C-alpha cells in the first residue's frame, strides 16, 4: 500500500480531522491577521457585502448538502454484488460517513447564519472568522463527499462492467423420457 492510500485510509477513518484542519487553518489566519495587521481579506469589503457573502455561501452549502442526500439515495438504490458486499461488511462506517456529511452541512449552515447575525460594521466579535471556519470546514467535507461518492461509484461501475453471470442449466436425467423418447 502506497503513501497516498495510507493517507486516504487515515483520513477516511478519522472524521474529526476535518474539524482540526479547519480550525488550524482559521487559527493560523487569525494569528497572522492579529500579529501583522494584514491578510484580513473579509475586512476589505463592506459589512453589507460580507453579510451577502455569508447568505450566498449558506445557500450554496445547503444546495450541496441536498446533493449529498441525492448521492445517498443513489448509493442505497444500487444493488450490484460488490456494492451489496460493501454495505454488508462496512455498513457502520458508511452510515457514520454519510451521517457526518449531512451533519456537517447543517453545522456549516448554522455557523454561516451565526456569522450573518453577528457581523457589524466594525465586527467586534470577529464573525468573519466564524464564516472562514464554516467555509474551510465545508470545503473539507465536500472533498470527503466527492471522495466517498467516487469510491462507491467505482464499486458500482465494476459491477456493471462485468458481464452478467448466467446460471448453468440444471440437467434433468428424465428429460428424454418426458419427450417420449427412449433411453439408449
N, C-alpha and C. Protein backbone atom coordinates (compact mmCIF):
# COMPACT_ATOMS: atom_id res chain seq x y z
N UNK A 1 0.85 -1.17 0.00
CA UNK A 1 0.00 0.00 0.00
C UNK A 1 0.90 1.23 0.00
N UNK A 2 0.59 2.17 -0.90
CA UNK A 2 1.39 3.36 -1.03
C UNK A 2 1.06 4.41 0.02
N UNK A 3 1.87 5.46 0.02
CA UNK A 3 1.69 6.55 0.98
C UNK A 3 0.34 7.23 0.79
N UNK A 4 -0.03 7.46 -0.46
CA UNK A 4 -1.31 8.12 -0.74
C UNK A 4 -2.48 7.29 -0.20
N UNK A 5 -2.43 5.99 -0.41
CA UNK A 5 -3.51 5.12 0.07
C UNK A 5 -3.57 5.13 1.59
N UNK A 6 -2.42 5.15 2.26
CA UNK A 6 -2.41 5.20 3.73
C UNK A 6 -2.98 6.51 4.24
N UNK A 7 -2.64 7.60 3.56
CA UNK A 7 -3.19 8.91 3.96
C UNK A 7 -4.70 8.93 3.76
N UNK A 8 -5.17 8.42 2.61
CA UNK A 8 -6.61 8.36 2.35
C UNK A 8 -7.32 7.49 3.37
N UNK A 9 -6.73 6.36 3.71
CA UNK A 9 -7.34 5.47 4.70
C UNK A 9 -7.42 6.14 6.06
N UNK A 10 -6.36 6.84 6.46
CA UNK A 10 -6.35 7.55 7.74
C UNK A 10 -7.42 8.63 7.73
N UNK A 11 -7.48 9.39 6.65
CA UNK A 11 -8.46 10.47 6.53
C UNK A 11 -9.88 9.92 6.55
N UNK A 12 -10.11 8.81 5.86
CA UNK A 12 -11.44 8.20 5.81
C UNK A 12 -11.86 7.67 7.17
N UNK A 13 -10.92 7.14 7.93
CA UNK A 13 -11.24 6.56 9.24
C UNK A 13 -11.40 7.60 10.34
N UNK A 14 -10.89 8.80 10.16
CA UNK A 14 -10.90 9.82 11.21
C UNK A 14 -11.67 11.05 10.74
N UNK A 15 -12.97 11.02 10.96
CA UNK A 15 -13.83 12.11 10.50
C UNK A 15 -13.54 13.43 11.22
N UNK A 16 -13.05 13.35 12.44
CA UNK A 16 -12.77 14.55 13.22
C UNK A 16 -11.59 15.36 12.72
N UNK A 17 -10.81 14.79 11.85
CA UNK A 17 -9.64 15.51 11.34
C UNK A 17 -10.04 16.76 10.56
N UNK A 18 -11.24 16.75 9.98
CA UNK A 18 -11.71 17.93 9.24
C UNK A 18 -11.87 19.12 10.17
N UNK A 19 -12.37 18.86 11.39
CA UNK A 19 -12.50 19.94 12.37
C UNK A 19 -11.13 20.51 12.72
N UNK A 20 -10.17 19.62 12.93
CA UNK A 20 -8.81 20.07 13.29
C UNK A 20 -8.16 20.86 12.16
N UNK A 21 -8.29 20.37 10.94
CA UNK A 21 -7.69 21.07 9.80
C UNK A 21 -8.32 22.45 9.58
N UNK A 22 -9.65 22.51 9.67
CA UNK A 22 -10.33 23.80 9.50
C UNK A 22 -9.96 24.75 10.63
N UNK A 23 -9.93 24.24 11.85
CA UNK A 23 -9.55 25.07 13.00
C UNK A 23 -8.12 25.56 12.89
N UNK A 24 -7.21 24.70 12.47
CA UNK A 24 -5.81 25.09 12.32
C UNK A 24 -5.65 26.16 11.24
N UNK A 25 -6.38 26.00 10.13
CA UNK A 25 -6.29 26.98 9.05
C UNK A 25 -6.79 28.35 9.51
N UNK A 26 -7.93 28.37 10.18
CA UNK A 26 -8.51 29.64 10.63
C UNK A 26 -7.68 30.24 11.75
N UNK A 27 -7.19 29.44 12.68
CA UNK A 27 -6.34 29.96 13.76
C UNK A 27 -5.05 30.55 13.21
N UNK A 28 -4.48 29.90 12.22
CA UNK A 28 -3.27 30.43 11.58
C UNK A 28 -3.57 31.76 10.91
N UNK A 29 -4.69 31.84 10.22
CA UNK A 29 -5.06 33.09 9.57
C UNK A 29 -5.35 34.17 10.61
N UNK A 30 -6.06 33.82 11.67
CA UNK A 30 -6.38 34.78 12.72
C UNK A 30 -5.10 35.28 13.40
N UNK A 31 -4.17 34.38 13.68
CA UNK A 31 -2.90 34.75 14.28
C UNK A 31 -2.14 35.70 13.37
N UNK A 32 -2.12 35.42 12.09
CA UNK A 32 -1.44 36.28 11.12
C UNK A 32 -2.07 37.66 11.08
N UNK A 33 -3.40 37.70 11.05
CA UNK A 33 -4.11 38.99 11.00
C UNK A 33 -3.84 39.80 12.27
N UNK A 34 -3.92 39.16 13.41
CA UNK A 34 -3.74 39.87 14.69
C UNK A 34 -2.32 40.36 14.87
N UNK A 35 -1.35 39.60 14.41
CA UNK A 35 0.06 39.99 14.64
C UNK A 35 0.66 40.85 13.54
N UNK A 36 0.17 40.73 12.33
CA UNK A 36 0.76 41.52 11.25
C UNK A 36 -0.16 42.65 10.79
N UNK A 37 -1.46 42.51 11.08
CA UNK A 37 -2.40 43.53 10.63
C UNK A 37 -2.72 43.44 9.15
N UNK A 38 -2.31 42.38 8.52
CA UNK A 38 -2.60 42.24 7.08
C UNK A 38 -3.18 40.85 6.81
N UNK A 39 -3.76 40.72 5.63
CA UNK A 39 -4.30 39.44 5.21
C UNK A 39 -5.75 39.21 5.62
N UNK A 40 -6.40 40.20 6.20
CA UNK A 40 -7.79 40.04 6.61
C UNK A 40 -8.69 40.40 5.44
N UNK A 41 -8.81 39.49 4.51
CA UNK A 41 -9.49 39.75 3.25
C UNK A 41 -10.97 40.08 3.41
N UNK A 42 -11.61 39.61 4.46
CA UNK A 42 -13.02 39.93 4.64
C UNK A 42 -13.25 41.33 5.22
N UNK A 43 -12.24 41.90 5.85
CA UNK A 43 -12.42 43.26 6.38
C UNK A 43 -12.25 44.29 5.27
N UNK A 44 -11.79 43.87 4.12
CA UNK A 44 -11.61 44.79 3.00
C UNK A 44 -12.93 45.14 2.33
N UNK A 45 -13.95 44.34 2.58
CA UNK A 45 -15.24 44.63 1.97
C UNK A 45 -16.19 45.16 3.04
N UNK A 46 -17.20 45.87 2.60
CA UNK A 46 -18.18 46.46 3.50
C UNK A 46 -18.99 45.38 4.21
N UNK A 47 -19.53 45.71 5.37
CA UNK A 47 -20.31 44.77 6.16
C UNK A 47 -21.51 44.23 5.39
N UNK A 48 -22.17 45.08 4.62
CA UNK A 48 -23.33 44.59 3.86
C UNK A 48 -22.90 43.58 2.80
N UNK A 49 -21.73 43.77 2.23
CA UNK A 49 -21.23 42.80 1.25
C UNK A 49 -20.85 41.49 1.94
N UNK A 50 -20.28 41.60 3.14
CA UNK A 50 -19.94 40.38 3.89
C UNK A 50 -21.19 39.58 4.21
N UNK A 51 -22.23 40.26 4.68
CA UNK A 51 -23.45 39.52 5.02
C UNK A 51 -24.10 38.91 3.79
N UNK A 52 -24.00 39.59 2.66
CA UNK A 52 -24.48 38.99 1.41
C UNK A 52 -23.67 37.74 1.07
N UNK A 53 -22.37 37.82 1.28
CA UNK A 53 -21.49 36.68 1.04
C UNK A 53 -21.84 35.52 1.97
N UNK A 54 -22.11 35.82 3.25
CA UNK A 54 -22.48 34.76 4.20
C UNK A 54 -23.77 34.08 3.76
N UNK A 55 -24.75 34.87 3.36
CA UNK A 55 -26.04 34.32 2.95
C UNK A 55 -25.91 33.49 1.67
N UNK A 56 -25.15 33.99 0.72
CA UNK A 56 -24.95 33.25 -0.53
C UNK A 56 -24.23 31.94 -0.26
N UNK A 57 -23.25 31.98 0.61
CA UNK A 57 -22.50 30.77 0.94
C UNK A 57 -23.40 29.76 1.64
N UNK A 58 -24.27 30.24 2.53
CA UNK A 58 -25.21 29.33 3.19
C UNK A 58 -26.12 28.65 2.16
N UNK A 59 -26.52 29.38 1.14
CA UNK A 59 -27.34 28.79 0.08
C UNK A 59 -26.58 27.73 -0.69
N UNK A 60 -25.33 28.01 -1.01
CA UNK A 60 -24.51 27.04 -1.75
C UNK A 60 -24.27 25.80 -0.91
N UNK A 61 -23.93 25.99 0.36
CA UNK A 61 -23.70 24.84 1.25
C UNK A 61 -24.96 23.99 1.36
N UNK A 62 -26.10 24.64 1.48
CA UNK A 62 -27.37 23.91 1.55
C UNK A 62 -27.63 23.13 0.27
N UNK A 63 -27.36 23.73 -0.86
CA UNK A 63 -27.57 23.05 -2.14
C UNK A 63 -26.66 21.84 -2.26
N UNK A 64 -25.43 21.99 -1.87
CA UNK A 64 -24.51 20.85 -1.94
C UNK A 64 -24.91 19.79 -0.93
N UNK A 65 -25.41 20.22 0.22
CA UNK A 65 -25.94 19.25 1.19
C UNK A 65 -27.10 18.46 0.61
N UNK A 66 -27.94 19.13 -0.16
CA UNK A 66 -29.03 18.44 -0.83
C UNK A 66 -28.51 17.43 -1.84
N UNK A 67 -27.44 17.79 -2.53
CA UNK A 67 -26.84 16.85 -3.48
C UNK A 67 -26.26 15.64 -2.76
N UNK A 68 -25.76 15.85 -1.54
CA UNK A 68 -25.24 14.69 -0.80
C UNK A 68 -26.38 13.75 -0.41
N UNK A 69 -27.55 14.31 -0.14
CA UNK A 69 -28.71 13.45 0.13
C UNK A 69 -29.08 12.64 -1.11
N UNK A 70 -28.97 13.26 -2.27
CA UNK A 70 -29.23 12.54 -3.52
C UNK A 70 -28.18 11.44 -3.72
N UNK A 71 -26.94 11.75 -3.39
CA UNK A 71 -25.88 10.74 -3.51
C UNK A 71 -26.18 9.55 -2.61
N UNK A 72 -26.70 9.80 -1.43
CA UNK A 72 -27.04 8.71 -0.52
C UNK A 72 -28.14 7.86 -1.12
N UNK A 73 -29.12 8.50 -1.73
CA UNK A 73 -30.22 7.71 -2.32
C UNK A 73 -29.73 6.89 -3.50
N UNK A 74 -28.80 7.42 -4.27
CA UNK A 74 -28.23 6.64 -5.37
C UNK A 74 -27.46 5.44 -4.82
N UNK A 75 -26.72 5.68 -3.76
CA UNK A 75 -25.97 4.61 -3.12
C UNK A 75 -26.88 3.50 -2.62
N UNK A 76 -27.98 3.88 -1.98
CA UNK A 76 -28.87 2.86 -1.44
C UNK A 76 -29.67 2.14 -2.53
N UNK A 77 -29.83 2.79 -3.69
CA UNK A 77 -30.58 2.16 -4.78
C UNK A 77 -29.74 1.18 -5.58
N UNK A 78 -28.43 1.37 -5.59
CA UNK A 78 -27.56 0.47 -6.35
C UNK A 78 -27.57 -0.91 -5.71
N UNK A 79 -27.57 -1.94 -6.54
CA UNK A 79 -27.69 -3.28 -5.97
C UNK A 79 -26.76 -4.30 -6.60
N UNK A 80 -25.60 -3.87 -7.03
CA UNK A 80 -24.64 -4.82 -7.57
C UNK A 80 -24.08 -5.72 -6.49
N UNK A 81 -23.50 -6.81 -6.91
CA UNK A 81 -22.97 -7.80 -5.97
C UNK A 81 -21.86 -7.23 -5.09
N UNK A 82 -20.95 -6.49 -5.68
CA UNK A 82 -19.86 -5.89 -4.91
C UNK A 82 -20.38 -4.85 -3.91
N UNK A 83 -21.29 -4.01 -4.39
CA UNK A 83 -21.83 -2.96 -3.53
C UNK A 83 -22.62 -3.55 -2.36
N UNK A 84 -23.35 -4.62 -2.62
CA UNK A 84 -24.06 -5.30 -1.52
C UNK A 84 -23.06 -5.83 -0.50
N UNK A 85 -21.95 -6.37 -0.97
CA UNK A 85 -20.92 -6.89 -0.06
C UNK A 85 -20.31 -5.76 0.77
N UNK A 86 -20.05 -4.62 0.13
CA UNK A 86 -19.50 -3.47 0.86
C UNK A 86 -20.49 -3.01 1.92
N UNK A 87 -21.76 -2.91 1.55
CA UNK A 87 -22.78 -2.47 2.52
C UNK A 87 -22.93 -3.48 3.66
N UNK A 88 -22.80 -4.75 3.34
CA UNK A 88 -22.92 -5.79 4.36
C UNK A 88 -21.77 -5.73 5.36
N UNK A 89 -20.57 -5.58 4.86
CA UNK A 89 -19.38 -5.66 5.71
C UNK A 89 -18.94 -4.32 6.31
N UNK A 90 -19.37 -3.21 5.73
CA UNK A 90 -18.92 -1.89 6.20
C UNK A 90 -20.08 -0.94 6.45
N UNK A 91 -21.22 -1.50 6.81
CA UNK A 91 -22.40 -0.66 6.97
C UNK A 91 -22.23 0.40 8.05
N UNK A 92 -21.57 0.08 9.15
CA UNK A 92 -21.39 1.04 10.23
C UNK A 92 -20.53 2.22 9.81
N UNK A 93 -19.42 1.93 9.15
CA UNK A 93 -18.53 3.01 8.70
C UNK A 93 -19.19 3.88 7.65
N UNK A 94 -19.89 3.24 6.73
CA UNK A 94 -20.56 4.01 5.68
C UNK A 94 -21.67 4.89 6.26
N UNK A 95 -22.45 4.33 7.16
CA UNK A 95 -23.53 5.11 7.76
C UNK A 95 -22.95 6.30 8.54
N UNK A 96 -21.86 6.06 9.25
CA UNK A 96 -21.20 7.13 10.01
C UNK A 96 -20.68 8.22 9.07
N UNK A 97 -20.11 7.83 7.96
CA UNK A 97 -19.59 8.81 6.99
C UNK A 97 -20.72 9.62 6.36
N UNK A 98 -21.77 8.95 5.90
CA UNK A 98 -22.88 9.67 5.28
C UNK A 98 -23.53 10.61 6.29
N UNK A 99 -23.72 10.11 7.52
CA UNK A 99 -24.34 10.94 8.55
C UNK A 99 -23.48 12.17 8.86
N UNK A 100 -22.18 11.98 8.92
CA UNK A 100 -21.30 13.11 9.22
C UNK A 100 -21.33 14.16 8.12
N UNK A 101 -21.50 13.71 6.89
CA UNK A 101 -21.59 14.66 5.78
C UNK A 101 -22.86 15.51 5.88
N UNK A 102 -23.96 14.87 6.21
CA UNK A 102 -25.21 15.63 6.36
C UNK A 102 -25.17 16.53 7.59
N UNK A 103 -24.59 16.05 8.68
CA UNK A 103 -24.46 16.87 9.88
C UNK A 103 -23.54 18.07 9.63
N UNK A 104 -22.50 17.86 8.85
CA UNK A 104 -21.59 18.96 8.53
C UNK A 104 -22.30 20.06 7.76
N UNK A 105 -23.20 19.66 6.86
CA UNK A 105 -23.97 20.65 6.11
C UNK A 105 -24.81 21.49 7.06
N UNK A 106 -25.46 20.84 8.00
CA UNK A 106 -26.28 21.58 8.98
C UNK A 106 -25.42 22.48 9.85
N UNK A 107 -24.27 21.96 10.30
CA UNK A 107 -23.38 22.77 11.14
C UNK A 107 -22.86 23.99 10.38
N UNK A 108 -22.45 23.78 9.15
CA UNK A 108 -21.94 24.91 8.35
C UNK A 108 -23.02 25.96 8.13
N UNK A 109 -24.23 25.54 7.84
CA UNK A 109 -25.32 26.50 7.66
C UNK A 109 -25.58 27.25 8.96
N UNK A 110 -25.55 26.56 10.08
CA UNK A 110 -25.74 27.21 11.38
C UNK A 110 -24.63 28.23 11.64
N UNK A 111 -23.40 27.87 11.36
CA UNK A 111 -22.28 28.80 11.55
C UNK A 111 -22.39 30.00 10.62
N UNK A 112 -22.81 29.76 9.40
CA UNK A 112 -22.96 30.86 8.45
C UNK A 112 -24.08 31.81 8.86
N UNK A 113 -25.16 31.27 9.36
CA UNK A 113 -26.25 32.12 9.84
C UNK A 113 -25.81 32.87 11.10
N UNK A 114 -25.02 32.23 11.95
CA UNK A 114 -24.47 32.90 13.13
C UNK A 114 -23.58 34.06 12.71
N UNK A 115 -22.69 33.83 11.76
CA UNK A 115 -21.82 34.91 11.26
C UNK A 115 -22.66 36.03 10.66
N UNK A 116 -23.70 35.66 9.95
CA UNK A 116 -24.59 36.64 9.34
C UNK A 116 -25.25 37.51 10.40
N UNK A 117 -25.68 36.90 11.49
CA UNK A 117 -26.37 37.66 12.52
C UNK A 117 -25.42 38.47 13.41
N UNK A 118 -24.17 38.05 13.53
CA UNK A 118 -23.24 38.75 14.41
C UNK A 118 -22.41 39.83 13.73
N UNK A 119 -22.31 39.78 12.43
CA UNK A 119 -21.44 40.73 11.73
C UNK A 119 -22.00 42.15 11.83
N UNK A 120 -21.14 43.08 12.19
CA UNK A 120 -21.46 44.51 12.27
C UNK A 120 -20.41 45.28 11.49
N UNK A 121 -20.63 46.56 11.39
CA UNK A 121 -19.71 47.39 10.61
C UNK A 121 -18.27 47.25 11.10
N UNK A 122 -18.05 47.36 12.40
CA UNK A 122 -16.69 47.24 12.94
C UNK A 122 -16.32 45.78 13.23
N UNK A 123 -17.31 44.90 13.29
CA UNK A 123 -17.13 43.47 13.54
C UNK A 123 -16.30 43.20 14.80
N UNK A 124 -16.77 43.68 15.98
CA UNK A 124 -16.01 43.45 17.21
C UNK A 124 -15.96 41.98 17.62
N UNK A 125 -16.91 41.18 17.14
CA UNK A 125 -16.96 39.77 17.52
C UNK A 125 -16.19 38.87 16.56
N UNK A 126 -15.60 39.46 15.55
CA UNK A 126 -14.84 38.70 14.54
C UNK A 126 -15.68 37.60 13.91
N UNK A 127 -16.90 37.94 13.55
CA UNK A 127 -17.81 36.96 12.94
C UNK A 127 -17.25 36.45 11.62
N UNK A 128 -16.41 37.21 10.99
CA UNK A 128 -15.85 36.78 9.71
C UNK A 128 -14.99 35.52 9.87
N UNK A 129 -14.41 35.33 11.07
CA UNK A 129 -13.62 34.11 11.28
C UNK A 129 -14.53 32.90 11.49
N UNK A 130 -15.73 33.12 12.00
CA UNK A 130 -16.72 32.04 12.05
C UNK A 130 -17.07 31.62 10.63
N UNK A 131 -17.26 32.61 9.77
CA UNK A 131 -17.53 32.35 8.36
C UNK A 131 -16.37 31.57 7.73
N UNK A 132 -15.15 32.00 8.00
CA UNK A 132 -14.00 31.32 7.42
C UNK A 132 -13.92 29.86 7.86
N UNK A 133 -14.19 29.62 9.15
CA UNK A 133 -14.17 28.24 9.63
C UNK A 133 -15.23 27.42 8.90
N UNK A 134 -16.44 27.96 8.80
CA UNK A 134 -17.51 27.24 8.11
C UNK A 134 -17.14 26.96 6.66
N UNK A 135 -16.51 27.93 6.02
CA UNK A 135 -16.13 27.79 4.61
C UNK A 135 -15.06 26.71 4.44
N UNK A 136 -14.03 26.73 5.27
CA UNK A 136 -12.95 25.74 5.18
C UNK A 136 -13.48 24.35 5.53
N UNK A 137 -14.28 24.28 6.60
CA UNK A 137 -14.84 23.00 7.02
C UNK A 137 -15.74 22.42 5.94
N UNK A 138 -16.58 23.26 5.34
CA UNK A 138 -17.46 22.80 4.26
C UNK A 138 -16.64 22.28 3.09
N UNK A 139 -15.57 22.98 2.75
CA UNK A 139 -14.72 22.54 1.63
C UNK A 139 -14.11 21.17 1.93
N UNK A 140 -13.67 20.96 3.16
CA UNK A 140 -13.09 19.66 3.52
C UNK A 140 -14.15 18.56 3.48
N UNK A 141 -15.33 18.84 3.99
CA UNK A 141 -16.39 17.83 3.98
C UNK A 141 -16.89 17.55 2.56
N UNK A 142 -16.90 18.56 1.72
CA UNK A 142 -17.33 18.32 0.35
C UNK A 142 -16.28 17.51 -0.40
N UNK A 143 -15.01 17.72 -0.07
CA UNK A 143 -13.96 16.86 -0.64
C UNK A 143 -14.18 15.42 -0.19
N UNK A 144 -14.55 15.25 1.06
CA UNK A 144 -14.84 13.91 1.58
C UNK A 144 -16.06 13.30 0.87
N UNK A 145 -17.08 14.11 0.63
CA UNK A 145 -18.27 13.64 -0.08
C UNK A 145 -17.91 13.17 -1.48
N UNK A 146 -17.13 13.95 -2.18
CA UNK A 146 -16.74 13.58 -3.54
C UNK A 146 -15.90 12.31 -3.51
N UNK A 147 -14.98 12.21 -2.57
CA UNK A 147 -14.13 11.03 -2.45
C UNK A 147 -14.98 9.80 -2.18
N UNK A 148 -15.90 9.88 -1.21
CA UNK A 148 -16.73 8.74 -0.86
C UNK A 148 -17.65 8.35 -2.01
N UNK A 149 -18.27 9.33 -2.63
CA UNK A 149 -19.17 9.05 -3.74
C UNK A 149 -18.40 8.42 -4.90
N UNK A 150 -17.18 8.90 -5.16
CA UNK A 150 -16.36 8.33 -6.23
C UNK A 150 -16.04 6.87 -5.94
N UNK A 151 -15.71 6.55 -4.70
CA UNK A 151 -15.40 5.16 -4.34
C UNK A 151 -16.63 4.27 -4.53
N UNK A 152 -17.77 4.75 -4.08
CA UNK A 152 -18.99 3.97 -4.23
C UNK A 152 -19.32 3.75 -5.71
N UNK A 153 -19.15 4.80 -6.52
CA UNK A 153 -19.44 4.67 -7.94
C UNK A 153 -18.44 3.73 -8.62
N UNK A 154 -17.19 3.72 -8.18
CA UNK A 154 -16.22 2.77 -8.74
C UNK A 154 -16.67 1.34 -8.50
N UNK A 155 -17.16 1.08 -7.30
CA UNK A 155 -17.63 -0.27 -6.97
C UNK A 155 -18.86 -0.61 -7.82
N UNK A 156 -19.77 0.34 -7.90
CA UNK A 156 -20.98 0.13 -8.69
C UNK A 156 -20.65 -0.07 -10.17
N UNK A 157 -19.72 0.71 -10.69
CA UNK A 157 -19.32 0.58 -12.09
C UNK A 157 -18.66 -0.76 -12.36
N UNK A 158 -17.89 -1.25 -11.39
CA UNK A 158 -17.25 -2.56 -11.57
C UNK A 158 -18.31 -3.65 -11.70
N UNK A 159 -19.39 -3.51 -10.96
CA UNK A 159 -20.48 -4.48 -11.09
C UNK A 159 -21.13 -4.40 -12.47
N UNK A 160 -21.28 -3.20 -13.00
CA UNK A 160 -21.92 -3.02 -14.30
C UNK A 160 -21.01 -3.45 -15.45
N UNK A 161 -19.70 -3.31 -15.29
CA UNK A 161 -18.77 -3.62 -16.36
C UNK A 161 -18.61 -5.11 -16.57
N UNK A 162 -18.87 -5.88 -15.55
CA UNK A 162 -18.72 -7.31 -15.66
C UNK A 162 -19.96 -7.90 -16.32
N UNK A 163 -19.79 -8.80 -17.29
CA UNK A 163 -20.98 -9.39 -17.92
C UNK A 163 -21.79 -10.17 -16.90
N UNK A 164 -23.10 -10.18 -17.07
CA UNK A 164 -23.93 -10.90 -16.10
C UNK A 164 -23.60 -12.39 -16.11
N UNK A 165 -23.64 -12.97 -14.97
CA UNK A 165 -23.36 -14.39 -14.85
C UNK A 165 -24.63 -15.16 -15.19
N UNK A 166 -24.45 -16.14 -16.07
CA UNK A 166 -25.58 -16.96 -16.47
C UNK A 166 -25.47 -18.27 -15.70
N UNK A 167 -26.54 -18.61 -15.04
CA UNK A 167 -26.54 -19.85 -14.27
C UNK A 167 -26.53 -21.04 -15.22
N UNK A 168 -25.75 -22.02 -14.88
CA UNK A 168 -25.69 -23.24 -15.69
C UNK A 168 -27.02 -23.96 -15.56
N UNK A 169 -27.53 -24.48 -16.67
CA UNK A 169 -28.82 -25.19 -16.59
C UNK A 169 -28.67 -26.46 -15.75
N UNK A 170 -29.73 -26.76 -15.07
CA UNK A 170 -29.75 -27.97 -14.26
C UNK A 170 -30.17 -29.12 -15.17
N UNK A 171 -29.40 -30.17 -15.16
CA UNK A 171 -29.69 -31.32 -16.03
C UNK A 171 -30.72 -32.21 -15.36
N UNK A 172 -31.78 -32.44 -16.08
CA UNK A 172 -32.83 -33.33 -15.61
C UNK A 172 -32.59 -34.69 -16.26
N UNK A 173 -32.29 -35.71 -15.47
CA UNK A 173 -31.99 -37.02 -16.07
C UNK A 173 -33.19 -37.67 -16.76
N UNK A 174 -34.37 -37.21 -16.52
CA UNK A 174 -35.56 -37.83 -17.11
C UNK A 174 -36.12 -37.06 -18.30
N UNK A 175 -35.40 -36.15 -18.85
CA UNK A 175 -35.92 -35.31 -19.91
C UNK A 175 -36.21 -36.10 -21.18
N UNK A 176 -35.43 -37.11 -21.45
CA UNK A 176 -35.65 -37.91 -22.65
C UNK A 176 -36.97 -38.67 -22.54
N UNK A 177 -37.25 -39.23 -21.40
CA UNK A 177 -38.48 -39.99 -21.20
C UNK A 177 -39.70 -39.09 -21.31
N UNK A 178 -39.60 -37.90 -20.80
CA UNK A 178 -40.73 -36.98 -20.87
C UNK A 178 -41.00 -36.57 -22.30
N UNK A 179 -40.05 -36.57 -23.14
CA UNK A 179 -40.23 -36.18 -24.54
C UNK A 179 -40.73 -37.35 -25.38
N UNK A 180 -40.84 -38.50 -24.75
CA UNK A 180 -41.38 -39.64 -25.46
C UNK A 180 -40.29 -40.48 -26.12
N UNK A 181 -39.08 -40.21 -25.88
CA UNK A 181 -38.01 -40.99 -26.46
C UNK A 181 -37.60 -42.11 -25.53
N UNK A 182 -36.70 -42.89 -26.00
CA UNK A 182 -36.21 -43.97 -25.18
C UNK A 182 -34.77 -43.70 -24.80
N UNK A 183 -34.41 -44.31 -23.71
CA UNK A 183 -33.02 -44.15 -23.23
C UNK A 183 -32.13 -45.14 -23.96
N UNK A 184 -30.98 -44.71 -24.37
CA UNK A 184 -30.08 -45.64 -25.04
C UNK A 184 -29.45 -46.64 -24.11
